[in-house]
Structures are given as C-alpha cells and as structure tokens.
Amino acid sequence: MRRKFSWFSVLAFVFAMFLGAVVGGVAVAQNQVHMRNARADLQAAWNQLNVATADKAGHRAQAMTLINQAINQVNLGISSGAY
C-alpha cells in the first residue's frame, strides 16, 4: 500500500529542518565566546607591546610575532568551530 504525504507535511518537515539548522548554527557560534575573548586578550597584549620601548634585545619583536601567530590560530579555531 502506498502512503500519500500531504504538501503540508512536507513543508512542515522542511521548515523544521531549516529551523534546526539555524538554531544549531547560532548555538555553535555562541560557543565561541572563550575563543573570541582569548583573541581580544591577545590583541590587547600586542597593543601593549607595540607601545613599549623597542629595545628589548629582540624579545619584544619576537613576542609580537608569536602573538600574531596565536591570533591567526585562534581565528582558524573560531572558523573551524563554527561548522
């Protein structure tokens, strides 16, 4: 026996799937709060080093380079965590 589906049932199913995807995407994006806070802290540290006196035997410049690398990694983590 063949079962017939009404258009309403199909539309309700499609809407439910869409709504679940949207709500799930928002929940994932909200879970990135700590990553975003870490990025803000790294940017604040970089800004502090930027206004510090330059002559630190190369350690200031190296720290700024490492912070840039850390910011890039955090950005990648935020991007990959959103899926």
Protein backbone atom coordinates (compact mmCIF):
# COMPACT_ATOMS: atom_id res chain seq x y z
CA MET A 1 0.00 0.00 0.00
CA ARG A 2 1.41 3.36 -1.00
CA ARG A 3 1.30 6.12 1.56
CA LYS A 4 0.48 9.65 0.41
CA PHE A 5 2.08 12.63 2.06
CA SER A 6 0.35 15.95 2.08
CA TRP A 7 2.17 19.07 0.98
CA PHE A 8 1.64 20.45 4.45
CA SER A 9 3.57 17.54 5.97
CA VAL A 10 6.43 18.04 3.52
CA LEU A 11 6.56 21.80 4.15
CA ALA A 12 6.42 21.27 7.92
CA PHE A 13 9.32 18.82 7.70
CA VAL A 14 11.41 21.18 5.54
CA PHE A 15 10.69 24.10 7.87
CA ALA A 16 11.65 22.03 10.91
CA MET A 17 14.94 21.03 9.28
CA PHE A 18 15.68 24.64 8.34
CA LEU A 19 14.83 25.90 11.82
CA GLY A 20 17.03 23.20 13.39
CA ALA A 21 19.95 24.19 11.18
CA VAL A 22 19.57 27.87 12.04
CA VAL A 23 19.22 27.26 15.78
CA GLY A 24 22.12 24.81 15.72
CA GLY A 25 24.31 27.32 13.89
CA VAL A 26 23.52 30.02 16.42
CA ALA A 27 24.32 27.66 19.30
CA VAL A 28 27.69 26.79 17.77
CA ALA A 29 28.53 30.44 17.15
CA GLN A 30 27.69 31.33 20.75
CA ASN A 31 30.07 28.63 21.99
CA GLN A 32 32.97 30.65 20.56
CA VAL A 33 32.81 33.20 23.40
CA HIS A 34 36.02 31.99 25.04
CA MET A 35 37.88 31.91 21.74
CA ARG A 36 36.75 35.46 20.99
CA ASN A 37 37.77 36.59 24.48
CA ALA A 38 41.18 34.96 24.03
CA ARG A 39 41.62 36.78 20.72
CA ALA A 40 40.71 40.11 22.36
CA ASP A 41 43.26 39.45 25.13
CA LEU A 42 45.94 38.61 22.58
CA GLN A 43 45.18 41.79 20.66
CA ALA A 44 45.40 43.81 23.89
CA ALA A 45 48.78 42.21 24.68
CA TRP A 46 50.04 43.03 21.16
CA ASN A 47 48.90 46.65 21.59
CA GLN A 48 50.75 46.91 24.90
CA LEU A 49 53.93 45.56 23.34
CA ASN A 50 53.51 47.92 20.42
CA VAL A 51 53.65 50.98 22.71
CA ALA A 52 56.52 49.58 24.82
CA THR A 53 60.06 50.79 24.20
CA ALA A 54 61.55 48.95 21.27
CA ASP A 55 64.97 47.98 22.59
CA LYS A 56 64.42 44.65 24.36
CA ALA A 57 67.18 42.61 22.70
CA GLY A 58 64.68 41.37 20.13
CA HIS A 59 62.34 39.79 22.68
CA ARG A 60 59.58 42.38 22.21
CA ALA A 61 59.57 41.86 18.45
CA GLN A 62 59.61 38.07 18.88
CA ALA A 63 56.72 38.26 21.34
CA MET A 64 54.72 40.36 18.86
CA THR A 65 55.41 37.80 16.12
CA LEU A 66 54.27 34.94 18.35
CA ILE A 67 51.14 36.84 19.36
CA ASN A 68 50.31 37.37 15.66
CA GLN A 69 50.71 33.63 15.12
CA ALA A 70 48.48 32.92 18.13
CA ILE A 71 45.81 35.32 16.84
CA ASN A 72 45.89 33.54 13.47
CA GLN A 73 45.47 30.16 15.18
CA VAL A 74 42.57 31.45 17.29
CA ASN A 75 40.91 32.80 14.14
CA LEU A 76 41.30 29.40 12.48
CA GLY A 77 39.86 27.73 15.56
CA ILE A 78 36.86 30.06 15.53
CA SER A 79 36.30 29.37 11.85
CA SER A 80 36.55 25.59 12.19
CA GLY A 81 34.47 25.54 15.37
CA ALA A 82 31.59 27.23 13.59
CA TYR A 83 30.85 24.11 11.50
